[in-house]
Amino acid sequence: MSEGNIVWIFYSSKTEPELLTFYADGLAYLRDQEIGLEVIDVSENMDKAQEYKVKSTPTVLIEKGDEIKERYEVISYLSGILEKKELERIFE
């Protein structure tokens, strides 16, 4: 695994059930590159969302070298962030 690189996705399966399907190519890229992927359904794990100060969904956090480097909140800000080409840019 790319040491210390993790993408955290906080979403709600109740209000955004299609999110993970919509970004399947980007998520496959993360797995192929052995970049950590943590998908947190806030409907089931509010404690983790509170730990990372997630106030709205979806929220994506990019952790590099054990530190959160980028934070994207709300769907309008996620435009493209989980697409393969954007993830390649971030992690290469």
PDB file of N, CA and C in Angstrom:
ATOM      1  N   MET A   1       0.844  -1.187   0.000  1.00  0.00           N
ATOM      2  CA  MET A   1       0.000   0.000   0.000  1.00  0.00           C
ATOM      3  C   MET A   1       0.878   1.235   0.000  1.00  0.00           C
ATOM      4  N   SER A   2       0.436   2.281  -0.674  1.00  0.00           N
ATOM      5  CA  SER A   2       1.151   3.548  -0.660  1.00  0.00           C
ATOM      6  C   SER A   2       1.133   4.059   0.774  1.00  0.00           C
ATOM      7  N   GLU A   3       2.262   4.002   1.410  1.00  0.00           N
ATOM      8  CA  GLU A   3       2.381   4.281   2.836  1.00  0.00           C
ATOM      9  C   GLU A   3       1.809   5.637   3.213  1.00  0.00           C
ATOM     10  N   GLY A   4       0.849   5.618   4.135  1.00  0.00           N
ATOM     11  CA  GLY A   4       0.282   6.855   4.652  1.00  0.00           C
ATOM     12  C   GLY A   4      -0.689   7.559   3.727  1.00  0.00           C
ATOM     13  N   ASN A   5      -1.027   6.959   2.599  1.00  0.00           N
ATOM     14  CA  ASN A   5      -1.981   7.575   1.670  1.00  0.00           C
ATOM     15  C   ASN A   5      -3.331   6.883   1.808  1.00  0.00           C
ATOM     16  N   ILE A   6      -4.328   7.655   2.194  1.00  0.00           N
ATOM     17  CA  ILE A   6      -5.676   7.118   2.377  1.00  0.00           C
ATOM     18  C   ILE A   6      -6.688   8.123   1.855  1.00  0.00           C
ATOM     19  N   VAL A   7      -7.704   7.626   1.205  1.00  0.00           N
ATOM     20  CA  VAL A   7      -8.852   8.444   0.825  1.00  0.00           C
ATOM     21  C   VAL A   7     -10.004   8.032   1.735  1.00  0.00           C
ATOM     22  N   TRP A   8     -10.521   8.997   2.472  1.00  0.00           N
ATOM     23  CA  TRP A   8     -11.665   8.788   3.342  1.00  0.00           C
ATOM     24  C   TRP A   8     -12.895   9.317   2.636  1.00  0.00           C
ATOM     25  N   ILE A   9     -13.924   8.503   2.513  1.00  0.00           N
ATOM     26  CA  ILE A   9     -15.187   8.939   1.921  1.00  0.00           C
ATOM     27  C   ILE A   9     -16.261   8.802   2.989  1.00  0.00           C
ATOM     28  N   PHE A  10     -16.844   9.925   3.344  1.00  0.00           N
ATOM     29  CA  PHE A  10     -17.963   9.945   4.279  1.00  0.00           C
ATOM     30  C   PHE A  10     -19.210  10.245   3.463  1.00  0.00           C
ATOM     31  N   TYR A  11     -20.177   9.356   3.539  1.00  0.00           N
ATOM     32  CA  TYR A  11     -21.404   9.538   2.777  1.00  0.00           C
ATOM     33  C   TYR A  11     -22.559   8.926   3.560  1.00  0.00           C
ATOM     34  N   SER A  12     -23.753   9.111   3.073  1.00  0.00           N
ATOM     35  CA  SER A  12     -24.927   8.510   3.695  1.00  0.00           C
ATOM     36  C   SER A  12     -25.591   7.579   2.695  1.00  0.00           C
ATOM     37  N   SER A  13     -25.701   6.320   3.067  1.00  0.00           N
ATOM     38  CA  SER A  13     -26.358   5.360   2.176  1.00  0.00           C
ATOM     39  C   SER A  13     -27.843   5.677   2.031  1.00  0.00           C
ATOM     40  N   LYS A  14     -28.371   6.478   2.942  1.00  0.00           N
ATOM     41  CA  LYS A  14     -29.782   6.847   2.880  1.00  0.00           C
ATOM     42  C   LYS A  14     -30.037   7.970   1.870  1.00  0.00           C
ATOM     43  N   THR A  15     -29.118   8.936   1.775  1.00  0.00           N
ATOM     44  CA  THR A  15     -29.344  10.079   0.886  1.00  0.00           C
ATOM     45  C   THR A  15     -28.468  10.062  -0.369  1.00  0.00           C
ATOM     46  N   GLU A  16     -27.379   9.304  -0.368  1.00  0.00           N
ATOM     47  CA  GLU A  16     -26.471   9.225  -1.526  1.00  0.00           C
ATOM     48  C   GLU A  16     -26.139   7.776  -1.873  1.00  0.00           C
ATOM     49  N   PRO A  17     -27.121   6.909  -2.028  1.00  0.00           N
ATOM     50  CA  PRO A  17     -26.826   5.486  -2.230  1.00  0.00           C
ATOM     51  C   PRO A  17     -26.047   5.193  -3.513  1.00  0.00           C
ATOM     52  N   GLU A  18     -26.138   6.081  -4.501  1.00  0.00           N
ATOM     53  CA  GLU A  18     -25.476   5.850  -5.789  1.00  0.00           C
ATOM     54  C   GLU A  18     -24.034   6.364  -5.837  1.00  0.00           C
ATOM     55  N   LEU A  19     -23.577   7.039  -4.814  1.00  0.00           N
ATOM     56  CA  LEU A  19     -22.256   7.682  -4.842  1.00  0.00           C
ATOM     57  C   LEU A  19     -21.131   6.702  -5.165  1.00  0.00           C
ATOM     58  N   LEU A  20     -21.085   5.569  -4.502  1.00  0.00           N
ATOM     59  CA  LEU A  20     -19.995   4.625  -4.716  1.00  0.00           C
ATOM     60  C   LEU A  20     -20.064   3.986  -6.095  1.00  0.00           C
ATOM     61  N   THR A  21     -21.250   3.783  -6.630  1.00  0.00           N
ATOM     62  CA  THR A  21     -21.413   3.248  -7.979  1.00  0.00           C
ATOM     63  C   THR A  21     -20.977   4.271  -9.017  1.00  0.00           C
ATOM     64  N   PHE A  22     -21.338   5.519  -8.789  1.00  0.00           N
ATOM     65  CA  PHE A  22     -21.019   6.598  -9.719  1.00  0.00           C
ATOM     66  C   PHE A  22     -19.508   6.750  -9.904  1.00  0.00           C
ATOM     67  N   TYR A  23     -18.746   6.538  -8.834  1.00  0.00           N
ATOM     68  CA  TYR A  23     -17.290   6.704  -8.893  1.00  0.00           C
ATOM     69  C   TYR A  23     -16.540   5.372  -8.895  1.00  0.00           C
ATOM     70  N   ALA A  24     -17.129   4.334  -9.436  1.00  0.00           N
ATOM     71  CA  ALA A  24     -16.531   3.001  -9.432  1.00  0.00           C
ATOM     72  C   ALA A  24     -15.135   2.975 -10.057  1.00  0.00           C
ATOM     73  N   ASP A  25     -14.919   3.703 -11.169  1.00  0.00           N
ATOM     74  CA  ASP A  25     -13.598   3.708 -11.822  1.00  0.00           C
ATOM     75  C   ASP A  25     -12.530   4.303 -10.914  1.00  0.00           C
ATOM     76  N   GLY A  26     -12.855   5.404 -10.257  1.00  0.00           N
ATOM     77  CA  GLY A  26     -11.897   6.027  -9.342  1.00  0.00           C
ATOM     78  C   GLY A  26     -11.588   5.145  -8.148  1.00  0.00           C
ATOM     79  N   LEU A  27     -12.599   4.485  -7.615  1.00  0.00           N
ATOM     80  CA  LEU A  27     -12.387   3.592  -6.478  1.00  0.00           C
ATOM     81  C   LEU A  27     -11.563   2.376  -6.885  1.00  0.00           C
ATOM     82  N   ALA A  28     -11.773   1.881  -8.092  1.00  0.00           N
ATOM     83  CA  ALA A  28     -10.972   0.768  -8.613  1.00  0.00           C
ATOM     84  C   ALA A  28      -9.512   1.205  -8.764  1.00  0.00           C
ATOM     85  N   TYR A  29      -9.293   2.426  -9.222  1.00  0.00           N
ATOM     86  CA  TYR A  29      -7.926   2.961  -9.334  1.00  0.00           C
ATOM     87  C   TYR A  29      -7.234   2.942  -7.970  1.00  0.00           C
ATOM     88  N   LEU A  30      -7.927   3.398  -6.929  1.00  0.00           N
ATOM     89  CA  LEU A  30      -7.332   3.405  -5.588  1.00  0.00           C
ATOM     90  C   LEU A  30      -6.928   1.996  -5.160  1.00  0.00           C
ATOM     91  N   ARG A  31      -7.798   1.038  -5.400  1.00  0.00           N
ATOM     92  CA  ARG A  31      -7.481  -0.354  -5.046  1.00  0.00           C
ATOM     93  C   ARG A  31      -6.287  -0.855  -5.860  1.00  0.00           C
ATOM     94  N   ASP A  32      -6.276  -0.557  -7.165  1.00  0.00           N
ATOM     95  CA  ASP A  32      -5.181  -1.004  -8.033  1.00  0.00           C
ATOM     96  C   ASP A  32      -3.846  -0.420  -7.596  1.00  0.00           C
ATOM     97  N   GLN A  33      -3.851   0.816  -7.132  1.00  0.00           N
ATOM     98  CA  GLN A  33      -2.624   1.494  -6.703  1.00  0.00           C
ATOM     99  C   GLN A  33      -2.298   1.206  -5.239  1.00  0.00           C
ATOM    100  N   GLU A  34      -3.137   0.398  -4.603  1.00  0.00           N
ATOM    101  CA  GLU A  34      -2.976   0.040  -3.194  1.00  0.00           C
ATOM    102  C   GLU A  34      -2.960   1.266  -2.289  1.00  0.00           C
ATOM    103  N   ILE A  35      -3.791   2.235  -2.646  1.00  0.00           N
ATOM    104  CA  ILE A  35      -3.997   3.418  -1.808  1.00  0.00           C
ATOM    105  C   ILE A  35      -5.148   3.081  -0.873  1.00  0.00           C
ATOM    106  N   GLY A  36      -4.957   3.358   0.395  1.00  0.00           N
ATOM    107  CA  GLY A  36      -5.983   3.039   1.377  1.00  0.00           C
ATOM    108  C   GLY A  36      -7.302   3.722   1.048  1.00  0.00           C
ATOM    109  N   LEU A  37      -8.379   3.027   1.308  1.00  0.00           N
ATOM    110  CA  LEU A  37      -9.713   3.564   1.063  1.00  0.00           C
ATOM    111  C   LEU A  37     -10.578   3.224   2.261  1.00  0.00           C
ATOM    112  N   GLU A  38     -11.095   4.245   2.895  1.00  0.00           N
ATOM    113  CA  GLU A  38     -12.005   4.063   4.019  1.00  0.00           C
ATOM    114  C   GLU A  38     -13.333   4.704   3.644  1.00  0.00           C
ATOM    115  N   VAL A  39     -14.368   3.895   3.538  1.00  0.00           N
ATOM    116  CA  VAL A  39     -15.698   4.381   3.199  1.00  0.00           C
ATOM    117  C   VAL A  39     -16.536   4.296   4.462  1.00  0.00           C
ATOM    118  N   ILE A  40     -16.996   5.447   4.910  1.00  0.00           N
ATOM    119  CA  ILE A  40     -17.753   5.537   6.154  1.00  0.00           C
ATOM    120  C   ILE A  40     -19.177   5.973   5.834  1.00  0.00           C
ATOM    121  N   ASP A  41     -20.124   5.123   6.158  1.00  0.00           N
ATOM    122  CA  ASP A  41     -21.535   5.470   6.023  1.00  0.00           C
ATOM    123  C   ASP A  41     -21.939   6.161   7.323  1.00  0.00           C
ATOM    124  N   VAL A  42     -22.141   7.463   7.259  1.00  0.00           N
ATOM    125  CA  VAL A  42     -22.445   8.223   8.486  1.00  0.00           C
ATOM    126  C   VAL A  42     -23.782   7.814   9.091  1.00  0.00           C
ATOM    127  N   SER A  43     -24.636   7.180   8.292  1.00  0.00           N
ATOM    128  CA  SER A  43     -25.900   6.678   8.826  1.00  0.00           C
ATOM    129  C   SER A  43     -25.651   5.579   9.859  1.00  0.00           C
ATOM    130  N   GLU A  44     -24.508   4.908   9.727  1.00  0.00           N
ATOM    131  CA  GLU A  44     -24.180   3.798  10.614  1.00  0.00           C
ATOM    132  C   GLU A  44     -23.003   4.082  11.545  1.00  0.00           C
ATOM    133  N   ASN A  45     -22.237   5.139  11.278  1.00  0.00           N
ATOM    134  CA  ASN A  45     -21.034   5.392  12.073  1.00  0.00           C
ATOM    135  C   ASN A  45     -20.840   6.890  12.310  1.00  0.00           C
ATOM    136  N   MET A  46     -21.715   7.479  13.080  1.00  0.00           N
ATOM    137  CA  MET A  46     -21.621   8.914  13.386  1.00  0.00           C
ATOM    138  C   MET A  46     -20.377   9.245  14.205  1.00  0.00           C
ATOM    139  N   ASP A  47     -19.903   8.308  15.017  1.00  0.00           N
ATOM    140  CA  ASP A  47     -18.716   8.568  15.839  1.00  0.00           C
ATOM    141  C   ASP A  47     -17.500   8.884  14.975  1.00  0.00           C
ATOM    142  N   LYS A  48     -17.292   8.109  13.915  1.00  0.00           N
ATOM    143  CA  LYS A  48     -16.151   8.346  13.016  1.00  0.00           C
ATOM    144  C   LYS A  48     -16.312   9.686  12.305  1.00  0.00           C
ATOM    145  N   ALA A  49     -17.533  10.008  11.898  1.00  0.00           N
ATOM    146  CA  ALA A  49     -17.793  11.298  11.246  1.00  0.00           C
ATOM    147  C   ALA A  49     -17.487  12.444  12.200  1.00  0.00           C
ATOM    148  N   GLN A  50     -17.867  12.314  13.442  1.00  0.00           N
ATOM    149  CA  GLN A  50     -17.571  13.362  14.426  1.00  0.00           C
ATOM    150  C   GLN A  50     -16.076  13.467  14.686  1.00  0.00           C
ATOM    151  N   GLU A  51     -15.387  12.332  14.727  1.00  0.00           N
ATOM    152  CA  GLU A  51     -13.939  12.324  14.943  1.00  0.00           C
ATOM    153  C   GLU A  51     -13.217  13.143  13.869  1.00  0.00           C
ATOM    154  N   TYR A  52     -13.705  13.074  12.632  1.00  0.00           N
ATOM    155  CA  TYR A  52     -13.093  13.798  11.518  1.00  0.00           C
ATOM    156  C   TYR A  52     -13.808  15.111  11.201  1.00  0.00           C
ATOM    157  N   LYS A  53     -14.690  15.522  12.098  1.00  0.00           N
ATOM    158  CA  LYS A  53     -15.394  16.806  11.974  1.00  0.00           C
ATOM    159  C   LYS A  53     -16.164  16.936  10.663  1.00  0.00           C
ATOM    160  N   VAL A  54     -16.816  15.858  10.261  1.00  0.00           N
ATOM    161  CA  VAL A  54     -17.633  15.858   9.065  1.00  0.00           C
ATOM    162  C   VAL A  54     -19.005  16.407   9.424  1.00  0.00           C
ATOM    163  N   LYS A  55     -19.370  17.490   8.769  1.00  0.00           N
ATOM    164  CA  LYS A  55     -20.638  18.152   9.049  1.00  0.00           C
ATOM    165  C   LYS A  55     -21.672  17.948   7.951  1.00  0.00           C
ATOM    166  N   SER A  56     -21.223  17.568   6.750  1.00  0.00           N
ATOM    167  CA  SER A  56     -22.148  17.336   5.641  1.00  0.00           C
ATOM    168  C   SER A  56     -21.611  16.195   4.792  1.00  0.00           C
ATOM    169  N   THR A  57     -22.499  15.602   4.034  1.00  0.00           N
ATOM    170  CA  THR A  57     -22.076  14.516   3.165  1.00  0.00           C
ATOM    171  C   THR A  57     -22.493  14.828   1.739  1.00  0.00           C
ATOM    172  N   PRO A  58     -21.738  14.314   0.792  1.00  0.00           N
ATOM    173  CA  PRO A  58     -20.523  13.549   0.994  1.00  0.00           C
ATOM    174  C   PRO A  58     -19.336  14.452   1.315  1.00  0.00           C
ATOM    175  N   THR A  59     -18.381  13.890   2.019  1.00  0.00           N
ATOM    176  CA  THR A  59     -17.120  14.555   2.315  1.00  0.00           C
ATOM    177  C   THR A  59     -16.000  13.588   1.960  1.00  0.00           C
ATOM    178  N   VAL A  60     -14.975  14.093   1.289  1.00  0.00           N
ATOM    179  CA  VAL A  60     -13.806  13.284   0.949  1.00  0.00           C
ATOM    180  C   VAL A  60     -12.587  13.941   1.567  1.00  0.00           C
ATOM    181  N   LEU A  61     -11.801  13.135   2.276  1.00  0.00           N
ATOM    182  CA  LEU A  61     -10.546  13.598   2.872  1.00  0.00           C
ATOM    183  C   LEU A  61      -9.410  12.848   2.194  1.00  0.00           C
ATOM    184  N   ILE A  62      -8.372  13.571   1.829  1.00  0.00           N
ATOM    185  CA  ILE A  62      -7.182  12.974   1.229  1.00  0.00           C
ATOM    186  C   ILE A  62      -6.074  13.032   2.277  1.00  0.00           C
ATOM    187  N   GLU A  63      -5.651  11.863   2.718  1.00  0.00           N
ATOM    188  CA  GLU A  63      -4.578  11.770   3.716  1.00  0.00           C
ATOM    189  C   GLU A  63      -3.304  11.319   3.016  1.00  0.00           C
ATOM    190  N   LYS A  64      -2.264  12.115   3.185  1.00  0.00           N
ATOM    191  CA  LYS A  64      -0.960  11.779   2.600  1.00  0.00           C
ATOM    192  C   LYS A  64       0.072  11.910   3.712  1.00  0.00           C
ATOM    193  N   GLY A  65       0.854  10.852   3.894  1.00  0.00           N
ATOM    194  CA  GLY A  65       1.874  10.888   4.932  1.00  0.00           C
ATOM    195  C   GLY A  65       1.273  11.067   6.320  1.00  0.00           C
ATOM    196  N   ASP A  66       0.170  10.411   6.589  1.00  0.00           N
ATOM    197  CA  ASP A  66      -0.496  10.433   7.896  1.00  0.00           C
ATOM    198  C   ASP A  66      -1.038  11.800   8.295  1.00  0.00           C
ATOM    199  N   GLU A  67      -1.304  12.656   7.320  1.00  0.00           N
ATOM    200  CA  GLU A  67      -1.865  13.978   7.598  1.00  0.00           C
ATOM    201  C   GLU A  67      -2.927  14.298   6.541  1.00  0.00           C
ATOM    202  N   ILE A  68      -4.061  14.830   6.978  1.00  0.00           N
ATOM    203  CA  ILE A  68      -5.105  15.226   6.038  1.00  0.00           C
ATOM    204  C   ILE A  68      -4.598  16.433   5.257  1.00  0.00           C
ATOM    205  N   LYS A  69      -4.428  16.256   3.946  1.00  0.00           N
ATOM    206  CA  LYS A  69      -3.897  17.316   3.083  1.00  0.00           C
ATOM    207  C   LYS A  69      -4.988  18.068   2.331  1.00  0.00           C
ATOM    208  N   GLU A  70      -6.079  17.370   1.998  1.00  0.00           N
ATOM    209  CA  GLU A  70      -7.150  18.008   1.241  1.00  0.00           C
ATOM    210  C   GLU A  70      -8.489  17.544   1.793  1.00  0.00           C
ATOM    211  N   ARG A  71      -9.465  18.447   1.752  1.00  0.00           N
ATOM    212  CA  ARG A  71     -10.813  18.156   2.247  1.00  0.00           C
ATOM    213  C   ARG A  71     -11.808  18.713   1.234  1.00  0.00           C
ATOM    214  N   TYR A  72     -12.725  17.861   0.801  1.00  0.00           N
ATOM    215  CA  TYR A  72     -13.755  18.254  -0.146  1.00  0.00           C
ATOM    216  C   TYR A  72     -15.106  17.949   0.489  1.00  0.00           C
ATOM    217  N   GLU A  73     -15.971  18.943   0.545  1.00  0.00           N
ATOM    218  CA  GLU A  73     -17.266  18.764   1.191  1.00  0.00           C
ATOM    219  C   GLU A  73     -18.403  19.112   0.242  1.00  0.00           C
ATOM    220  N   VAL A  74     -19.505  18.429   0.420  1.00  0.00           N
ATOM    221  CA  VAL A  74     -20.754  18.637  -0.296  1.00  0.00           C
ATOM    222  C   VAL A  74     -20.576  18.280  -1.779  1.00  0.00           C
ATOM    223  N   ILE A  75     -21.603  17.774  -2.360  1.00  0.00           N
ATOM    224  CA  ILE A  75     -21.529  17.216  -3.713  1.00  0.00           C
ATOM    225  C   ILE A  75     -21.003  18.199  -4.757  1.00  0.00           C
ATOM    226  N   SER A  76     -21.347  19.482  -4.657  1.00  0.00           N
ATOM    227  CA  SER A  76     -20.873  20.423  -5.670  1.00  0.00           C
ATOM    228  C   SER A  76     -19.349  20.532  -5.664  1.00  0.00           C
ATOM    229  N   TYR A  77     -18.738  20.345  -4.507  1.00  0.00           N
ATOM    230  CA  TYR A  77     -17.283  20.406  -4.413  1.00  0.00           C
ATOM    231  C   TYR A  77     -16.629  19.083  -4.798  1.00  0.00           C
ATOM    232  N   LEU A  78     -17.407  18.008  -4.874  1.00  0.00           N
ATOM    233  CA  LEU A  78     -16.847  16.711  -5.229  1.00  0.00           C
ATOM    234  C   LEU A  78     -16.803  16.500  -6.728  1.00  0.00           C
ATOM    235  N   SER A  79     -17.271  17.454  -7.471  1.00  0.00           N
ATOM    236  CA  SER A  79     -17.313  17.314  -8.916  1.00  0.00           C
ATOM    237  C   SER A  79     -15.955  16.874  -9.444  1.00  0.00           C
ATOM    238  N   GLY A  80     -15.870  15.610  -9.798  1.00  0.00           N
ATOM    239  CA  GLY A  80     -14.651  15.085 -10.389  1.00  0.00           C
ATOM    240  C   GLY A  80     -13.605  14.572  -9.426  1.00  0.00           C
ATOM    241  N   ILE A  81     -13.677  14.881  -8.150  1.00  0.00           N
ATOM    242  CA  ILE A  81     -12.593  14.521  -7.232  1.00  0.00           C
ATOM    243  C   ILE A  81     -12.383  13.019  -7.127  1.00  0.00           C
ATOM    244  N   LEU A  82     -13.422  12.230  -7.274  1.00  0.00           N
ATOM    245  CA  LEU A  82     -13.265  10.783  -7.172  1.00  0.00           C
ATOM    246  C   LEU A  82     -13.151  10.106  -8.531  1.00  0.00           C
ATOM    247  N   GLU A  83     -12.961  10.900  -9.586  1.00  0.00           N
ATOM    248  CA  GLU A  83     -12.742  10.313 -10.904  1.00  0.00           C
ATOM    249  C   GLU A  83     -11.288   9.872 -11.014  1.00  0.00           C
ATOM    250  N   LYS A  84     -11.062   8.847 -11.786  1.00  0.00           N
ATOM    251  CA  LYS A  84      -9.735   8.254 -11.905  1.00  0.00           C
ATOM    252  C   LYS A  84      -8.659   9.281 -12.264  1.00  0.00           C
ATOM    253  N   LYS A  85      -8.917  10.121 -13.261  1.00  0.00           N
ATOM    254  CA  LYS A  85      -7.876  11.056 -13.703  1.00  0.00           C
ATOM    255  C   LYS A  85      -7.514  12.068 -12.606  1.00  0.00           C
ATOM    256  N   GLU A  86      -8.475  12.473 -11.806  1.00  0.00           N
ATOM    257  CA  GLU A  86      -8.188  13.406 -10.726  1.00  0.00           C
ATOM    258  C   GLU A  86      -7.416  12.718  -9.603  1.00  0.00           C
ATOM    259  N   LEU A  87      -7.761  11.492  -9.292  1.00  0.00           N
ATOM    260  CA  LEU A  87      -7.026  10.740  -8.276  1.00  0.00           C
ATOM    261  C   LEU A  87      -5.590  10.465  -8.728  1.00  0.00           C
ATOM    262  N   GLU A  88      -5.399  10.191 -10.015  1.00  0.00           N
ATOM    263  CA  GLU A  88      -4.043  10.010 -10.551  1.00  0.00           C
ATOM    264  C   GLU A  88      -3.225  11.282 -10.336  1.00  0.00           C
ATOM    265  N   ARG A  89      -3.829  12.421 -10.595  1.00  0.00           N
ATOM    266  CA  ARG A  89      -3.128  13.699 -10.418  1.00  0.00           C
ATOM    267  C   ARG A  89      -2.735  13.893  -8.962  1.00  0.00           C
ATOM    268  N   ILE A  90      -3.606  13.575  -8.046  1.00  0.00           N
ATOM    269  CA  ILE A  90      -3.342  13.780  -6.625  1.00  0.00           C
ATOM    270  C   ILE A  90      -2.236  12.877  -6.118  1.00  0.00           C
ATOM    271  N   PHE A  91      -2.229  11.614  -6.545  1.00  0.00           N
ATOM    272  CA  PHE A  91      -1.327  10.637  -5.950  1.00  0.00           C
ATOM    273  C   PHE A  91      -0.071  10.328  -6.761  1.00  0.00           C
ATOM    274  N   GLU A  92       0.088  10.949  -7.928  1.00  0.00           N
ATOM    275  CA  GLU A  92       1.313  10.675  -8.696  1.00  0.00           C
ATOM    276  C   GLU A  92       2.247  11.841  -8.656  1.00  0.00           C
TER     277      GLU A  92
END
